[in-house]
Protein backbone atom coordinates (compact mmCIF):
# COMPACT_ATOMS: atom_id res chain seq x y z
CA UNK A 1 0.00 0.00 0.00
CA UNK A 2 1.14 3.50 -0.72
CA UNK A 3 0.96 6.72 1.20
CA UNK A 4 -0.98 9.76 0.04
CA UNK A 5 0.08 12.96 1.75
CA UNK A 6 -2.60 15.61 1.47
CA UNK A 7 -1.39 19.17 1.84
CA UNK A 8 -3.10 22.48 2.47
CA UNK A 9 -6.21 21.10 4.18
CA UNK A 10 -8.06 23.80 6.05
CA UNK A 11 -8.00 23.63 9.84
CA UNK A 12 -11.79 23.33 9.84
CA UNK A 13 -11.74 20.31 7.52
CA UNK A 14 -9.02 18.61 9.55
CA UNK A 15 -11.00 19.28 12.72
CA UNK A 16 -14.18 17.82 11.14
CA UNK A 17 -12.31 14.68 10.07
CA UNK A 18 -10.72 14.36 13.51
CA UNK A 19 -14.10 14.69 15.21
CA UNK A 20 -15.62 12.08 12.88
CA UNK A 21 -12.68 9.80 13.59
CA UNK A 22 -13.16 10.18 17.32
CA UNK A 23 -16.90 9.42 17.06
CA UNK A 24 -16.28 6.29 14.99
CA UNK A 25 -13.22 5.16 16.94
CA UNK A 26 -10.94 5.40 13.90
CA UNK A 27 -7.57 7.01 13.52
CA UNK A 28 -7.40 10.24 11.55
CA UNK A 29 -5.86 8.37 8.59
CA UNK A 30 -8.46 5.59 8.68
CA UNK A 31 -11.30 8.10 8.83
CA UNK A 32 -9.89 10.11 5.91
CA UNK A 33 -9.48 6.90 3.91
CA UNK A 34 -13.09 5.91 4.65
CA UNK A 35 -14.36 9.36 3.65
CA UNK A 36 -12.42 9.18 0.37
CA UNK A 37 -13.75 5.67 -0.32
CA UNK A 38 -17.35 6.79 0.29
CA UNK A 39 -16.92 9.87 -1.92
CA UNK A 40 -15.46 7.80 -4.76
CA UNK A 41 -18.31 5.29 -4.46
CA UNK A 42 -20.94 8.07 -4.64
CA UNK A 43 -19.17 9.59 -7.62
CA UNK A 44 -19.07 6.24 -9.42
CA UNK A 45 -22.75 5.60 -8.70
CA UNK A 46 -23.73 9.08 -9.93
CA UNK A 47 -21.88 8.68 -13.22
CA UNK A 48 -24.41 8.02 -15.98
CA UNK A 49 -23.92 5.03 -18.21
CA UNK A 50 -22.98 5.93 -21.77
CA UNK A 51 -25.91 5.85 -24.16
CA UNK A 52 -26.04 3.89 -27.36
CA UNK A 53 -26.81 5.76 -30.57
CA UNK A 54 -30.33 4.35 -30.45
CA UNK A 55 -30.86 5.62 -26.90
CA UNK A 56 -29.51 9.06 -27.81
CA UNK A 57 -31.82 9.34 -30.83
CA UNK A 58 -34.78 8.08 -28.81
CA UNK A 59 -34.06 10.61 -26.04
CA UNK A 60 -34.02 13.39 -28.63
CA UNK A 61 -37.40 12.27 -29.96
CA UNK A 62 -38.89 11.92 -26.48
CA UNK A 63 -37.79 15.44 -25.59
CA UNK A 64 -39.73 16.68 -28.62
CA UNK A 65 -42.76 14.48 -27.81
CA UNK A 66 -42.28 12.63 -31.10
CA UNK A 67 -42.29 8.95 -30.27
CA UNK A 68 -43.69 5.66 -31.50
CA UNK A 69 -44.23 5.83 -35.28
CA UNK A 70 -41.80 8.70 -35.84
CA UNK A 71 -38.90 7.04 -34.07
CA UNK A 72 -39.57 3.71 -35.75
CA UNK A 73 -39.38 5.37 -39.17
CA UNK A 74 -36.15 7.21 -38.35
CA UNK A 75 -34.52 4.13 -36.86
CA UNK A 76 -35.41 2.13 -39.99
CA UNK A 77 -33.69 4.81 -42.08
CA UNK A 78 -30.65 4.76 -39.81
CA UNK A 79 -30.44 0.96 -39.99
CA UNK A 80 -30.80 0.99 -43.80
CA UNK A 81 -27.99 3.56 -44.09
CA UNK A 82 -25.81 1.55 -41.72
CA UNK A 83 -26.31 -1.62 -43.75
CA UNK A 84 -25.60 0.24 -46.97
CA UNK A 85 -22.26 1.52 -45.64
CA UNK A 86 -21.30 -1.77 -43.97
CA UNK A 87 -18.27 -3.29 -45.62
CA UNK A 88 -17.63 -0.27 -47.82
CA UNK A 89 -13.88 0.40 -48.13
CA UNK A 90 -12.51 3.51 -46.47
CA UNK A 91 -11.72 6.41 -48.73
CA UNK A 92 -8.05 7.12 -49.19
CA UNK A 93 -7.10 10.02 -46.95
CA UNK A 94 -4.02 11.99 -47.91
């Protein structure tokens, strides 16, 4: 395990961590590590999953209240264009 020195922490923040450590019976380092772990977990949980192209297009249609038949027609066009381009050689870029 490695060390992670943290510099320039305000006195108030250090005091808050020390008080939390005392309440939980942890050392200052253990409490800071736990706080960092919890913050990273919350951040990871809050991160939205990337959308597929279909989901992005659908979201755009939903925001405009154009769903059902409209999105089906557009997605059929997108799929037809994708199939048309599938396997096509790349253009020479110079």
